[in-house]
Amino acid sequence: MGLMRMAALGAAGYAFYKYTQKDKGDTPKVRDAGAANMETTPKSWSKTDEALDETFPASDAVANY
Protein backbone atom coordinates (compact mmCIF):
# COMPACT_ATOMS: atom_id res chain seq x y z
CA MET A 1 0.00 0.00 0.00
CA GLY A 2 2.87 2.37 0.76
CA LEU A 3 4.37 1.89 -2.71
CA MET A 4 1.09 2.82 -4.40
CA ARG A 5 0.81 5.94 -2.24
CA MET A 6 4.37 6.97 -3.15
CA ALA A 7 3.67 6.39 -6.86
CA ALA A 8 0.49 8.47 -6.69
CA LEU A 9 2.26 11.32 -4.87
CA GLY A 10 5.12 11.19 -7.37
CA ALA A 11 2.71 11.34 -10.32
CA ALA A 12 0.79 14.23 -8.74
CA GLY A 13 4.03 16.11 -8.05
CA TYR A 14 5.24 15.60 -11.61
CA ALA A 15 1.90 16.76 -13.04
CA PHE A 16 1.99 19.87 -10.84
CA TYR A 17 5.58 20.60 -11.91
CA LYS A 18 4.72 20.29 -15.61
CA TYR A 19 1.64 22.48 -15.15
CA THR A 20 3.63 25.26 -13.48
CA GLN A 21 6.50 25.12 -16.00
CA LYS A 22 4.53 25.18 -19.26
CA ASP A 23 4.08 28.97 -19.54
CA LYS A 24 7.57 30.10 -18.59
CA GLY A 25 8.90 30.43 -22.14
CA ASP A 26 12.31 28.96 -21.32
CA THR A 27 13.25 28.45 -24.96
CA PRO A 28 16.19 30.72 -25.82
CA LYS A 29 15.88 33.13 -28.70
CA VAL A 30 18.51 32.52 -31.35
CA ARG A 31 19.28 34.84 -34.24
CA ASP A 32 21.14 34.24 -37.47
CA ALA A 33 24.70 35.54 -37.70
CA GLY A 34 25.48 38.85 -39.32
CA ALA A 35 24.91 42.54 -38.78
CA ALA A 36 21.67 42.50 -40.78
CA ASN A 37 20.04 40.19 -38.23
CA MET A 38 20.83 42.31 -35.16
CA GLU A 39 18.25 44.46 -33.38
CA THR A 40 20.64 47.41 -33.50
CA THR A 41 22.92 47.43 -36.54
CA PRO A 42 26.53 48.42 -35.69
CA LYS A 43 28.00 51.51 -37.34
CA SER A 44 31.19 49.71 -38.39
CA TRP A 45 31.38 46.00 -39.15
CA SER A 46 34.60 44.33 -40.31
CA LYS A 47 35.24 40.83 -41.64
CA THR A 48 36.72 39.94 -38.24
CA ASP A 49 33.53 41.09 -36.51
CA GLU A 50 31.50 38.98 -38.93
CA ALA A 51 33.67 35.90 -38.29
CA LEU A 52 33.46 36.37 -34.51
CA ASP A 53 29.70 36.74 -34.69
CA GLU A 54 29.37 33.54 -36.75
CA THR A 55 31.36 31.51 -34.22
CA PHE A 56 29.88 33.02 -31.04
CA PRO A 57 28.60 29.90 -29.24
CA ALA A 58 31.84 28.02 -29.96
CA SER A 59 34.85 28.38 -27.72
CA ASP A 60 37.38 28.51 -30.58
CA ALA A 61 38.59 31.82 -31.90
CA VAL A 62 38.49 32.51 -35.62
CA ALA A 63 41.62 32.03 -37.72
CA ASN A 64 41.71 35.61 -39.06
CA TYR A 65 41.43 37.29 -35.68
PDB file of N, CA and C in Angstrom:
ATOM      1  N   MET A   1       0.822  -1.200   0.000  1.00  0.00           N
ATOM      2  CA  MET A   1       0.000   0.000   0.000  1.00  0.00           C
ATOM      3  C   MET A   1       0.867   1.267   0.000  1.00  0.00           C
ATOM      4  N   GLY A   2       2.000   1.209   0.700  1.00  0.00           N
ATOM      5  CA  GLY A   2       2.875   2.369   0.764  1.00  0.00           C
ATOM      6  C   GLY A   2       3.497   2.703  -0.589  1.00  0.00           C
ATOM      7  N   LEU A   3       3.790   1.671  -1.377  1.00  0.00           N
ATOM      8  CA  LEU A   3       4.374   1.887  -2.706  1.00  0.00           C
ATOM      9  C   LEU A   3       3.384   2.573  -3.634  1.00  0.00           C
ATOM     10  N   MET A   4       2.129   2.192  -3.560  1.00  0.00           N
ATOM     11  CA  MET A   4       1.090   2.817  -4.397  1.00  0.00           C
ATOM     12  C   MET A   4       0.905   4.289  -4.008  1.00  0.00           C
ATOM     13  N   ARG A   5       0.960   4.565  -2.713  1.00  0.00           N
ATOM     14  CA  ARG A   5       0.806   5.944  -2.245  1.00  0.00           C
ATOM     15  C   ARG A   5       1.976   6.800  -2.727  1.00  0.00           C
ATOM     16  N   MET A   6       3.191   6.241  -2.660  1.00  0.00           N
ATOM     17  CA  MET A   6       4.374   6.970  -3.145  1.00  0.00           C
ATOM     18  C   MET A   6       4.284   7.218  -4.654  1.00  0.00           C
ATOM     19  N   ALA A   7       3.820   6.235  -5.408  1.00  0.00           N
ATOM     20  CA  ALA A   7       3.671   6.392  -6.856  1.00  0.00           C
ATOM     21  C   ALA A   7       2.634   7.461  -7.175  1.00  0.00           C
ATOM     22  N   ALA A   8       1.534   7.476  -6.462  1.00  0.00           N
ATOM     23  CA  ALA A   8       0.486   8.468  -6.688  1.00  0.00           C
ATOM     24  C   ALA A   8       0.997   9.877  -6.348  1.00  0.00           C
ATOM     25  N   LEU A   9       1.708  10.007  -5.230  1.00  0.00           N
ATOM     26  CA  LEU A   9       2.261  11.315  -4.866  1.00  0.00           C
ATOM     27  C   LEU A   9       3.306  11.779  -5.877  1.00  0.00           C
ATOM     28  N   GLY A  10       4.121  10.841  -6.361  1.00  0.00           N
ATOM     29  CA  GLY A  10       5.117  11.187  -7.370  1.00  0.00           C
ATOM     30  C   GLY A  10       4.473  11.649  -8.662  1.00  0.00           C
ATOM     31  N   ALA A  11       3.420  10.959  -9.095  1.00  0.00           N
ATOM     32  CA  ALA A  11       2.714  11.337 -10.320  1.00  0.00           C
ATOM     33  C   ALA A  11       2.043  12.696 -10.156  1.00  0.00           C
ATOM     34  N   ALA A  12       1.441  12.940  -8.992  1.00  0.00           N
ATOM     35  CA  ALA A  12       0.793  14.228  -8.741  1.00  0.00           C
ATOM     36  C   ALA A  12       1.825  15.358  -8.709  1.00  0.00           C
ATOM     37  N   GLY A  13       2.971  15.101  -8.093  1.00  0.00           N
ATOM     38  CA  GLY A  13       4.029  16.113  -8.053  1.00  0.00           C
ATOM     39  C   GLY A  13       4.570  16.420  -9.429  1.00  0.00           C
ATOM     40  N   TYR A  14       4.756  15.393 -10.243  1.00  0.00           N
ATOM     41  CA  TYR A  14       5.241  15.598 -11.608  1.00  0.00           C
ATOM     42  C   TYR A  14       4.220  16.380 -12.440  1.00  0.00           C
ATOM     43  N   ALA A  15       2.941  16.041 -12.306  1.00  0.00           N
ATOM     44  CA  ALA A  15       1.896  16.759 -13.036  1.00  0.00           C
ATOM     45  C   ALA A  15       1.856  18.227 -12.619  1.00  0.00           C
ATOM     46  N   PHE A  16       1.986  18.487 -11.318  1.00  0.00           N
ATOM     47  CA  PHE A  16       1.995  19.869 -10.837  1.00  0.00           C
ATOM     48  C   PHE A  16       3.206  20.629 -11.374  1.00  0.00           C
ATOM     49  N   TYR A  17       4.363  19.977 -11.378  1.00  0.00           N
ATOM     50  CA  TYR A  17       5.581  20.601 -11.906  1.00  0.00           C
ATOM     51  C   TYR A  17       5.413  20.951 -13.381  1.00  0.00           C
ATOM     52  N   LYS A  18       4.911  20.025 -14.183  1.00  0.00           N
ATOM     53  CA  LYS A  18       4.724  20.289 -15.609  1.00  0.00           C
ATOM     54  C   LYS A  18       3.704  21.393 -15.837  1.00  0.00           C
ATOM     55  N   TYR A  19       2.661  21.431 -15.026  1.00  0.00           N
ATOM     56  CA  TYR A  19       1.639  22.475 -15.149  1.00  0.00           C
ATOM     57  C   TYR A  19       2.225  23.852 -14.854  1.00  0.00           C
ATOM     58  N   THR A  20       3.074  23.955 -13.844  1.00  0.00           N
ATOM     59  CA  THR A  20       3.629  25.256 -13.478  1.00  0.00           C
ATOM     60  C   THR A  20       4.745  25.693 -14.417  1.00  0.00           C
ATOM     61  N   GLN A  21       5.377  24.781 -15.133  1.00  0.00           N
ATOM     62  CA  GLN A  21       6.502  25.120 -15.995  1.00  0.00           C
ATOM     63  C   GLN A  21       6.103  25.371 -17.447  1.00  0.00           C
ATOM     64  N   LYS A  22       4.879  25.119 -17.847  1.00  0.00           N
ATOM     65  CA  LYS A  22       4.529  25.175 -19.260  1.00  0.00           C
ATOM     66  C   LYS A  22       4.459  26.593 -19.831  1.00  0.00           C
ATOM     67  N   ASP A  23       4.222  27.613 -19.031  1.00  0.00           N
ATOM     68  CA  ASP A  23       4.078  28.972 -19.537  1.00  0.00           C
ATOM     69  C   ASP A  23       5.285  29.861 -19.268  1.00  0.00           C
ATOM     70  N   LYS A  24       6.402  29.286 -18.935  1.00  0.00           N
ATOM     71  CA  LYS A  24       7.574  30.097 -18.594  1.00  0.00           C
ATOM     72  C   LYS A  24       8.296  30.629 -19.815  1.00  0.00           C
ATOM     73  N   GLY A  25       8.202  29.965 -20.962  1.00  0.00           N
ATOM     74  CA  GLY A  25       8.904  30.432 -22.145  1.00  0.00           C
ATOM     75  C   GLY A  25      10.407  30.306 -22.003  1.00  0.00           C
ATOM     76  N   ASP A  26      10.892  29.164 -21.567  1.00  0.00           N
ATOM     77  CA  ASP A  26      12.311  28.963 -21.317  1.00  0.00           C
ATOM     78  C   ASP A  26      13.128  28.730 -22.584  1.00  0.00           C
ATOM     79  N   THR A  27      12.496  28.695 -23.742  1.00  0.00           N
ATOM     80  CA  THR A  27      13.253  28.455 -24.960  1.00  0.00           C
ATOM     81  C   THR A  27      14.070  29.699 -25.304  1.00  0.00           C
ATOM     82  N   PRO A  28      15.362  29.556 -25.505  1.00  0.00           N
ATOM     83  CA  PRO A  28      16.189  30.719 -25.816  1.00  0.00           C
ATOM     84  C   PRO A  28      15.910  31.234 -27.220  1.00  0.00           C
ATOM     85  N   LYS A  29      16.049  32.528 -27.384  1.00  0.00           N
ATOM     86  CA  LYS A  29      15.884  33.132 -28.700  1.00  0.00           C
ATOM     87  C   LYS A  29      17.233  33.148 -29.398  1.00  0.00           C
ATOM     88  N   VAL A  30      17.268  32.622 -30.598  1.00  0.00           N
ATOM     89  CA  VAL A  30      18.506  32.523 -31.353  1.00  0.00           C
ATOM     90  C   VAL A  30      18.336  33.304 -32.645  1.00  0.00           C
ATOM     91  N   ARG A  31      19.344  34.087 -33.000  1.00  0.00           N
ATOM     92  CA  ARG A  31      19.276  34.841 -34.245  1.00  0.00           C
ATOM     93  C   ARG A  31      20.330  34.321 -35.204  1.00  0.00           C
ATOM     94  N   ASP A  32      20.141  34.581 -36.471  1.00  0.00           N
ATOM     95  CA  ASP A  32      21.143  34.238 -37.467  1.00  0.00           C
ATOM     96  C   ASP A  32      22.333  35.179 -37.329  1.00  0.00           C
ATOM     97  N   ALA A  33      23.493  34.720 -37.782  1.00  0.00           N
ATOM     98  CA  ALA A  33      24.705  35.537 -37.701  1.00  0.00           C
ATOM     99  C   ALA A  33      24.651  36.676 -38.713  1.00  0.00           C
ATOM    100  N   GLY A  34      25.365  37.732 -38.401  1.00  0.00           N
ATOM    101  CA  GLY A  34      25.478  38.852 -39.319  1.00  0.00           C
ATOM    102  C   GLY A  34      24.872  40.119 -38.762  1.00  0.00           C
ATOM    103  N   ALA A  35      25.368  41.238 -39.251  1.00  0.00           N
ATOM    104  CA  ALA A  35      24.908  42.540 -38.777  1.00  0.00           C
ATOM    105  C   ALA A  35      23.461  42.807 -39.174  1.00  0.00           C
ATOM    106  N   ALA A  36      23.030  42.254 -40.306  1.00  0.00           N
ATOM    107  CA  ALA A  36      21.669  42.501 -40.782  1.00  0.00           C
ATOM    108  C   ALA A  36      20.619  41.871 -39.865  1.00  0.00           C
ATOM    109  N   ASN A  37      20.984  40.886 -39.090  1.00  0.00           N
ATOM    110  CA  ASN A  37      20.036  40.190 -38.233  1.00  0.00           C
ATOM    111  C   ASN A  37      20.051  40.686 -36.797  1.00  0.00           C
ATOM    112  N   MET A  38      20.777  41.751 -36.511  1.00  0.00           N
ATOM    113  CA  MET A  38      20.834  42.308 -35.163  1.00  0.00           C
ATOM    114  C   MET A  38      19.694  43.296 -34.954  1.00  0.00           C
ATOM    115  N   GLU A  39      19.288  43.466 -33.690  1.00  0.00           N
ATOM    116  CA  GLU A  39      18.253  44.456 -33.381  1.00  0.00           C
ATOM    117  C   GLU A  39      18.765  45.863 -33.654  1.00  0.00           C
ATOM    118  N   THR A  40      20.005  46.126 -33.251  1.00  0.00           N
ATOM    119  CA  THR A  40      20.641  47.410 -33.500  1.00  0.00           C
ATOM    120  C   THR A  40      21.856  47.164 -34.378  1.00  0.00           C
ATOM    121  N   THR A  41      21.823  47.652 -35.606  1.00  0.00           N
ATOM    122  CA  THR A  41      22.917  47.429 -36.545  1.00  0.00           C
ATOM    123  C   THR A  41      24.126  48.265 -36.132  1.00  0.00           C
ATOM    124  N   PRO A  42      25.330  47.657 -36.055  1.00  0.00           N
ATOM    125  CA  PRO A  42      26.530  48.419 -35.689  1.00  0.00           C
ATOM    126  C   PRO A  42      26.921  49.407 -36.785  1.00  0.00           C
ATOM    127  N   LYS A  43      27.582  50.493 -36.375  1.00  0.00           N
ATOM    128  CA  LYS A  43      28.001  51.506 -37.342  1.00  0.00           C
ATOM    129  C   LYS A  43      29.154  51.024 -38.204  1.00  0.00           C
ATOM    130  N   SER A  44      30.085  50.273 -37.613  1.00  0.00           N
ATOM    131  CA  SER A  44      31.193  49.708 -38.388  1.00  0.00           C
ATOM    132  C   SER A  44      31.206  48.203 -38.158  1.00  0.00           C
ATOM    133  N   TRP A  45      31.446  47.455 -39.217  1.00  0.00           N
ATOM    134  CA  TRP A  45      31.377  45.997 -39.153  1.00  0.00           C
ATOM    135  C   TRP A  45      32.444  45.441 -40.081  1.00  0.00           C
ATOM    136  N   SER A  46      33.503  44.854 -39.510  1.00  0.00           N
ATOM    137  CA  SER A  46      34.604  44.332 -40.312  1.00  0.00           C
ATOM    138  C   SER A  46      34.418  42.836 -40.558  1.00  0.00           C
ATOM    139  N   LYS A  47      35.292  42.264 -41.387  1.00  0.00           N
ATOM    140  CA  LYS A  47      35.245  40.832 -41.640  1.00  0.00           C
ATOM    141  C   LYS A  47      35.563  40.047 -40.369  1.00  0.00           C
ATOM    142  N   THR A  48      36.416  40.584 -39.516  1.00  0.00           N
ATOM    143  CA  THR A  48      36.718  39.936 -38.240  1.00  0.00           C
ATOM    144  C   THR A  48      35.488  39.926 -37.345  1.00  0.00           C
ATOM    145  N   ASP A  49      34.764  41.042 -37.294  1.00  0.00           N
ATOM    146  CA  ASP A  49      33.528  41.093 -36.515  1.00  0.00           C
ATOM    147  C   ASP A  49      32.524  40.068 -37.019  1.00  0.00           C
ATOM    148  N   GLU A  50      32.417  39.955 -38.334  1.00  0.00           N
ATOM    149  CA  GLU A  50      31.501  38.977 -38.933  1.00  0.00           C
ATOM    150  C   GLU A  50      31.894  37.556 -38.544  1.00  0.00           C
ATOM    151  N   ALA A  51      33.190  37.244 -38.623  1.00  0.00           N
ATOM    152  CA  ALA A  51      33.672  35.902 -38.286  1.00  0.00           C
ATOM    153  C   ALA A  51      33.451  35.594 -36.811  1.00  0.00           C
ATOM    154  N   LEU A  52      33.691  36.572 -35.941  1.00  0.00           N
ATOM    155  CA  LEU A  52      33.462  36.366 -34.514  1.00  0.00           C
ATOM    156  C   LEU A  52      31.987  36.155 -34.215  1.00  0.00           C
ATOM    157  N   ASP A  53      31.127  36.884 -34.901  1.00  0.00           N
ATOM    158  CA  ASP A  53      29.695  36.736 -34.691  1.00  0.00           C
ATOM    159  C   ASP A  53      29.205  35.362 -35.154  1.00  0.00           C
ATOM    160  N   GLU A  54      29.778  34.846 -36.228  1.00  0.00           N
ATOM    161  CA  GLU A  54      29.371  33.544 -36.749  1.00  0.00           C
ATOM    162  C   GLU A  54      29.795  32.401 -35.842  1.00  0.00           C
ATOM    163  N   THR A  55      30.867  32.584 -35.075  1.00  0.00           N
ATOM    164  CA  THR A  55      31.362  31.508 -34.216  1.00  0.00           C
ATOM    165  C   THR A  55      31.051  31.743 -32.745  1.00  0.00           C
ATOM    166  N   PHE A  56      30.111  32.603 -32.419  1.00  0.00           N
ATOM    167  CA  PHE A  56      29.882  33.019 -31.040  1.00  0.00           C
ATOM    168  C   PHE A  56      29.670  31.873 -30.051  1.00  0.00           C
ATOM    169  N   PRO A  57      28.795  30.917 -30.289  1.00  0.00           N
ATOM    170  CA  PRO A  57      28.601  29.902 -29.239  1.00  0.00           C
ATOM    171  C   PRO A  57      29.804  28.992 -29.056  1.00  0.00           C
ATOM    172  N   ALA A  58      30.667  28.899 -30.056  1.00  0.00           N
ATOM    173  CA  ALA A  58      31.839  28.019 -29.958  1.00  0.00           C
ATOM    174  C   ALA A  58      32.908  28.675 -29.086  1.00  0.00           C
ATOM    175  N   SER A  59      33.789  27.851 -28.574  1.00  0.00           N
ATOM    176  CA  SER A  59      34.849  28.375 -27.722  1.00  0.00           C
ATOM    177  C   SER A  59      36.116  28.678 -28.502  1.00  0.00           C
ATOM    178  N   ASP A  60      36.175  28.279 -29.766  1.00  0.00           N
ATOM    179  CA  ASP A  60      37.376  28.505 -30.578  1.00  0.00           C
ATOM    180  C   ASP A  60      37.350  29.887 -31.213  1.00  0.00           C
ATOM    181  N   ALA A  61      38.483  30.529 -31.228  1.00  0.00           N
ATOM    182  CA  ALA A  61      38.594  31.821 -31.902  1.00  0.00           C
ATOM    183  C   ALA A  61      38.718  31.609 -33.409  1.00  0.00           C
ATOM    184  N   VAL A  62      38.386  32.620 -34.165  1.00  0.00           N
ATOM    185  CA  VAL A  62      38.485  32.506 -35.621  1.00  0.00           C
ATOM    186  C   VAL A  62      39.943  32.587 -36.058  1.00  0.00           C
ATOM    187  N   ALA A  63      40.243  32.082 -37.235  1.00  0.00           N
ATOM    188  CA  ALA A  63      41.619  32.026 -37.719  1.00  0.00           C
ATOM    189  C   ALA A  63      42.134  33.404 -38.124  1.00  0.00           C
ATOM    190  N   ASN A  64      41.259  34.296 -38.584  1.00  0.00           N
ATOM    191  CA  ASN A  64      41.711  35.605 -39.061  1.00  0.00           C
ATOM    192  C   ASN A  64      41.546  36.700 -38.004  1.00  0.00           C
ATOM    193  N   TYR A  65      41.587  36.331 -36.754  1.00  0.00           N
ATOM    194  CA  TYR A  65      41.429  37.292 -35.676  1.00  0.00           C
ATOM    195  C   TYR A  65      42.687  38.039 -35.372  1.00  0.00           C
TER     196      TYR A  65
END
